[in-house]
Amino acid sequence: MNCIPRQTLFLSLILTCFFATALAQTSDQSPTATPTPTATAHGTSTNTSDIDDIRRQLREQREEIERLRVTVTEQSRVINEMRGQSGG
């Protein structure tokens, strides 16, 4: 009977928890509304507060992407460490 090594099982558990947490965090975030341009007498343009709002949303998204990148990097490091332990 083949048994799953404890380290493989432990790694699978860690990864499952990580992805479940990441999924829960992304589903808890409310979707951002896309601002619509306002019409002026000279055509269509976006006012300053809308541009500032878009910049704020983009900055928040960049920060979230960076946090996720750090998390993925850390998870990759842990996985590589566990692979090294199981192979040695």
N, C-alpha and C. Protein backbone atom coordinates (compact mmCIF):
# COMPACT_ATOMS: atom_id res chain seq x y z
N MET A 1 0.85 -1.18 0.00
CA MET A 1 0.00 0.00 0.00
C MET A 1 0.89 1.24 0.00
N ASN A 2 0.66 2.13 -0.93
CA ASN A 2 1.45 3.36 -1.02
C ASN A 2 0.93 4.38 -0.02
N CYS A 3 1.85 4.98 0.70
CA CYS A 3 1.49 6.02 1.67
C CYS A 3 2.03 7.35 1.17
N ILE A 4 1.29 8.39 1.42
CA ILE A 4 1.75 9.73 1.08
C ILE A 4 2.71 10.17 2.17
N PRO A 5 3.92 10.60 1.80
CA PRO A 5 4.86 11.07 2.82
C PRO A 5 4.27 12.25 3.60
N ARG A 6 4.60 12.31 4.86
CA ARG A 6 4.08 13.37 5.73
C ARG A 6 4.41 14.76 5.21
N GLN A 7 5.61 14.93 4.69
CA GLN A 7 6.02 16.24 4.20
C GLN A 7 5.18 16.66 3.00
N THR A 8 4.86 15.74 2.13
CA THR A 8 4.02 16.05 0.98
C THR A 8 2.62 16.42 1.44
N LEU A 9 2.11 15.68 2.40
CA LEU A 9 0.79 15.96 2.94
C LEU A 9 0.78 17.32 3.64
N PHE A 10 1.82 17.60 4.40
CA PHE A 10 1.93 18.89 5.09
C PHE A 10 2.01 20.04 4.09
N LEU A 11 2.79 19.85 3.02
CA LEU A 11 2.91 20.87 1.98
C LEU A 11 1.56 21.11 1.31
N SER A 12 0.85 20.05 1.02
CA SER A 12 -0.47 20.18 0.41
C SER A 12 -1.43 20.93 1.31
N LEU A 13 -1.36 20.67 2.60
CA LEU A 13 -2.21 21.35 3.56
C LEU A 13 -1.88 22.85 3.62
N ILE A 14 -0.61 23.18 3.62
CA ILE A 14 -0.19 24.58 3.65
C ILE A 14 -0.68 25.30 2.40
N LEU A 15 -0.48 24.69 1.25
CA LEU A 15 -0.90 25.32 0.00
C LEU A 15 -2.42 25.49 -0.07
N THR A 16 -3.15 24.50 0.40
CA THR A 16 -4.61 24.60 0.41
C THR A 16 -5.05 25.75 1.30
N CYS A 17 -4.46 25.87 2.47
CA CYS A 17 -4.80 26.98 3.38
C CYS A 17 -4.45 28.33 2.75
N PHE A 18 -3.30 28.40 2.11
CA PHE A 18 -2.88 29.64 1.47
C PHE A 18 -3.87 30.07 0.40
N PHE A 19 -4.23 29.15 -0.49
CA PHE A 19 -5.14 29.51 -1.57
C PHE A 19 -6.54 29.80 -1.06
N ALA A 20 -6.97 29.10 -0.02
CA ALA A 20 -8.29 29.38 0.55
C ALA A 20 -8.32 30.78 1.16
N THR A 21 -7.24 31.15 1.85
CA THR A 21 -7.15 32.48 2.44
C THR A 21 -7.11 33.55 1.36
N ALA A 22 -6.32 33.33 0.32
CA ALA A 22 -6.23 34.30 -0.77
C ALA A 22 -7.58 34.47 -1.46
N LEU A 23 -8.28 33.37 -1.67
CA LEU A 23 -9.59 33.43 -2.31
C LEU A 23 -10.59 34.17 -1.43
N ALA A 24 -10.54 33.91 -0.13
CA ALA A 24 -11.46 34.60 0.79
C ALA A 24 -11.18 36.10 0.82
N GLN A 25 -9.92 36.48 0.79
CA GLN A 25 -9.57 37.90 0.81
C GLN A 25 -10.03 38.61 -0.45
N THR A 26 -9.88 37.96 -1.59
CA THR A 26 -10.30 38.61 -2.83
C THR A 26 -11.80 38.67 -2.96
N SER A 27 -12.51 37.69 -2.43
CA SER A 27 -13.98 37.73 -2.52
C SER A 27 -14.58 38.71 -1.53
N ASP A 28 -13.86 39.03 -0.46
CA ASP A 28 -14.34 40.01 0.51
C ASP A 28 -14.21 41.43 0.00
N GLN A 29 -13.33 41.64 -0.95
CA GLN A 29 -13.13 42.99 -1.48
C GLN A 29 -14.28 43.33 -2.41
N SER A 30 -14.81 44.54 -2.24
CA SER A 30 -15.89 44.96 -3.11
C SER A 30 -15.31 45.40 -4.45
N PRO A 31 -15.99 45.07 -5.52
CA PRO A 31 -15.47 45.50 -6.82
C PRO A 31 -15.52 47.01 -6.94
N THR A 32 -14.52 47.56 -7.59
CA THR A 32 -14.47 49.00 -7.74
C THR A 32 -15.30 49.42 -8.93
N ALA A 33 -16.05 50.45 -8.75
CA ALA A 33 -16.89 50.96 -9.83
C ALA A 33 -16.04 51.74 -10.81
N THR A 34 -16.31 51.58 -12.07
CA THR A 34 -15.58 52.31 -13.09
C THR A 34 -16.21 53.68 -13.26
N PRO A 35 -15.44 54.73 -13.00
CA PRO A 35 -16.00 56.07 -13.14
C PRO A 35 -16.34 56.36 -14.60
N THR A 36 -17.41 57.06 -14.79
CA THR A 36 -17.80 57.43 -16.15
C THR A 36 -17.45 58.88 -16.39
N PRO A 37 -17.00 59.20 -17.59
CA PRO A 37 -16.66 60.59 -17.90
C PRO A 37 -17.89 61.48 -17.85
N THR A 38 -17.67 62.72 -17.50
CA THR A 38 -18.77 63.68 -17.47
C THR A 38 -18.74 64.52 -18.73
N ALA A 39 -19.89 64.86 -19.23
CA ALA A 39 -19.97 65.64 -20.48
C ALA A 39 -19.87 67.12 -20.18
N THR A 40 -19.18 67.83 -21.04
CA THR A 40 -19.06 69.29 -20.93
C THR A 40 -19.58 69.91 -22.21
N ALA A 41 -19.60 71.21 -22.25
CA ALA A 41 -20.08 71.92 -23.44
C ALA A 41 -19.16 71.68 -24.62
N HIS A 42 -17.86 71.37 -24.36
CA HIS A 42 -16.90 71.20 -25.44
C HIS A 42 -16.67 69.73 -25.79
N GLY A 43 -17.47 68.83 -25.28
CA GLY A 43 -17.29 67.42 -25.59
C GLY A 43 -17.24 66.60 -24.31
N THR A 44 -16.61 65.44 -24.38
CA THR A 44 -16.55 64.53 -23.24
C THR A 44 -15.19 64.68 -22.57
N SER A 45 -15.22 64.82 -21.25
CA SER A 45 -13.97 64.89 -20.49
C SER A 45 -14.22 64.33 -19.09
N THR A 46 -13.17 64.14 -18.36
CA THR A 46 -13.25 63.64 -17.00
C THR A 46 -12.79 64.74 -16.07
N ASN A 47 -13.57 65.00 -15.02
CA ASN A 47 -13.17 66.09 -14.12
C ASN A 47 -12.05 65.64 -13.19
N THR A 48 -11.46 66.58 -12.48
CA THR A 48 -10.28 66.32 -11.66
C THR A 48 -10.55 65.31 -10.55
N SER A 49 -11.71 65.38 -9.92
CA SER A 49 -11.98 64.43 -8.83
C SER A 49 -12.10 63.00 -9.35
N ASP A 50 -12.63 62.83 -10.57
CA ASP A 50 -12.70 61.50 -11.16
C ASP A 50 -11.30 60.96 -11.45
N ILE A 51 -10.43 61.82 -11.96
CA ILE A 51 -9.06 61.41 -12.25
C ILE A 51 -8.34 61.04 -10.95
N ASP A 52 -8.53 61.83 -9.91
CA ASP A 52 -7.92 61.53 -8.62
C ASP A 52 -8.44 60.20 -8.07
N ASP A 53 -9.73 59.94 -8.27
CA ASP A 53 -10.32 58.69 -7.81
C ASP A 53 -9.73 57.50 -8.57
N ILE A 54 -9.55 57.66 -9.87
CA ILE A 54 -8.95 56.60 -10.68
C ILE A 54 -7.51 56.35 -10.25
N ARG A 55 -6.76 57.41 -10.01
CA ARG A 55 -5.37 57.27 -9.55
C ARG A 55 -5.31 56.57 -8.20
N ARG A 56 -6.24 56.92 -7.31
CA ARG A 56 -6.28 56.27 -5.99
C ARG A 56 -6.57 54.78 -6.15
N GLN A 57 -7.53 54.44 -7.00
CA GLN A 57 -7.86 53.03 -7.22
C GLN A 57 -6.69 52.27 -7.83
N LEU A 58 -6.00 52.88 -8.78
CA LEU A 58 -4.84 52.24 -9.37
C LEU A 58 -3.72 52.04 -8.35
N ARG A 59 -3.51 53.04 -7.49
CA ARG A 59 -2.49 52.92 -6.44
C ARG A 59 -2.83 51.78 -5.49
N GLU A 60 -4.11 51.69 -5.09
CA GLU A 60 -4.54 50.60 -4.21
C GLU A 60 -4.36 49.24 -4.88
N GLN A 61 -4.65 49.17 -6.17
CA GLN A 61 -4.48 47.91 -6.89
C GLN A 61 -3.01 47.54 -6.99
N ARG A 62 -2.14 48.53 -7.24
CA ARG A 62 -0.70 48.25 -7.28
C ARG A 62 -0.21 47.74 -5.93
N GLU A 63 -0.69 48.36 -4.85
CA GLU A 63 -0.29 47.93 -3.51
C GLU A 63 -0.76 46.51 -3.24
N GLU A 64 -1.98 46.18 -3.65
CA GLU A 64 -2.50 44.83 -3.46
C GLU A 64 -1.71 43.82 -4.28
N ILE A 65 -1.37 44.18 -5.51
CA ILE A 65 -0.55 43.30 -6.35
C ILE A 65 0.81 43.06 -5.69
N GLU A 66 1.40 44.11 -5.14
CA GLU A 66 2.70 43.96 -4.48
C GLU A 66 2.59 43.05 -3.25
N ARG A 67 1.51 43.22 -2.47
CA ARG A 67 1.31 42.33 -1.31
C ARG A 67 1.17 40.88 -1.76
N LEU A 68 0.42 40.65 -2.82
CA LEU A 68 0.25 39.29 -3.33
C LEU A 68 1.57 38.74 -3.87
N ARG A 69 2.36 39.60 -4.52
CA ARG A 69 3.65 39.17 -5.03
C ARG A 69 4.57 38.73 -3.89
N VAL A 70 4.57 39.50 -2.80
CA VAL A 70 5.38 39.14 -1.63
C VAL A 70 4.91 37.81 -1.05
N THR A 71 3.60 37.62 -0.98
CA THR A 71 3.04 36.38 -0.44
C THR A 71 3.44 35.19 -1.31
N VAL A 72 3.34 35.34 -2.62
CA VAL A 72 3.71 34.25 -3.52
C VAL A 72 5.21 33.94 -3.41
N THR A 73 6.03 34.98 -3.30
CA THR A 73 7.47 34.78 -3.14
C THR A 73 7.77 34.01 -1.86
N GLU A 74 7.11 34.37 -0.78
CA GLU A 74 7.31 33.67 0.49
C GLU A 74 6.86 32.22 0.39
N GLN A 75 5.72 31.99 -0.24
CA GLN A 75 5.23 30.62 -0.40
C GLN A 75 6.19 29.80 -1.26
N SER A 76 6.75 30.40 -2.29
CA SER A 76 7.72 29.70 -3.14
C SER A 76 8.96 29.34 -2.32
N ARG A 77 9.39 30.24 -1.46
CA ARG A 77 10.55 29.97 -0.62
C ARG A 77 10.27 28.79 0.31
N VAL A 78 9.09 28.77 0.92
CA VAL A 78 8.72 27.68 1.83
C VAL A 78 8.66 26.36 1.08
N ILE A 79 8.06 26.39 -0.11
CA ILE A 79 7.96 25.17 -0.93
C ILE A 79 9.34 24.65 -1.27
N ASN A 80 10.23 25.54 -1.69
CA ASN A 80 11.59 25.12 -2.03
C ASN A 80 12.33 24.56 -0.82
N GLU A 81 12.13 25.15 0.33
CA GLU A 81 12.75 24.63 1.56
C GLU A 81 12.23 23.23 1.85
N MET A 82 10.92 23.05 1.71
CA MET A 82 10.34 21.74 2.02
C MET A 82 10.80 20.70 1.00
N ARG A 83 10.95 21.11 -0.25
CA ARG A 83 11.48 20.18 -1.27
C ARG A 83 12.89 19.77 -0.93
N GLY A 84 13.70 20.74 -0.46
CA GLY A 84 15.06 20.44 -0.08
C GLY A 84 15.14 19.50 1.11
N GLN A 85 14.23 19.66 2.05
CA GLN A 85 14.21 18.78 3.22
C GLN A 85 13.79 17.36 2.84
N SER A 86 12.81 17.25 1.96
CA SER A 86 12.32 15.92 1.59
C SER A 86 13.30 15.20 0.67
N GLY A 87 14.09 15.98 -0.09
CA GLY A 87 15.04 15.37 -1.00
C GLY A 87 16.36 15.01 -0.34
N GLY A 88 16.61 15.58 0.82
CA GLY A 88 17.90 15.37 1.45
C GLY A 88 17.90 14.32 2.42
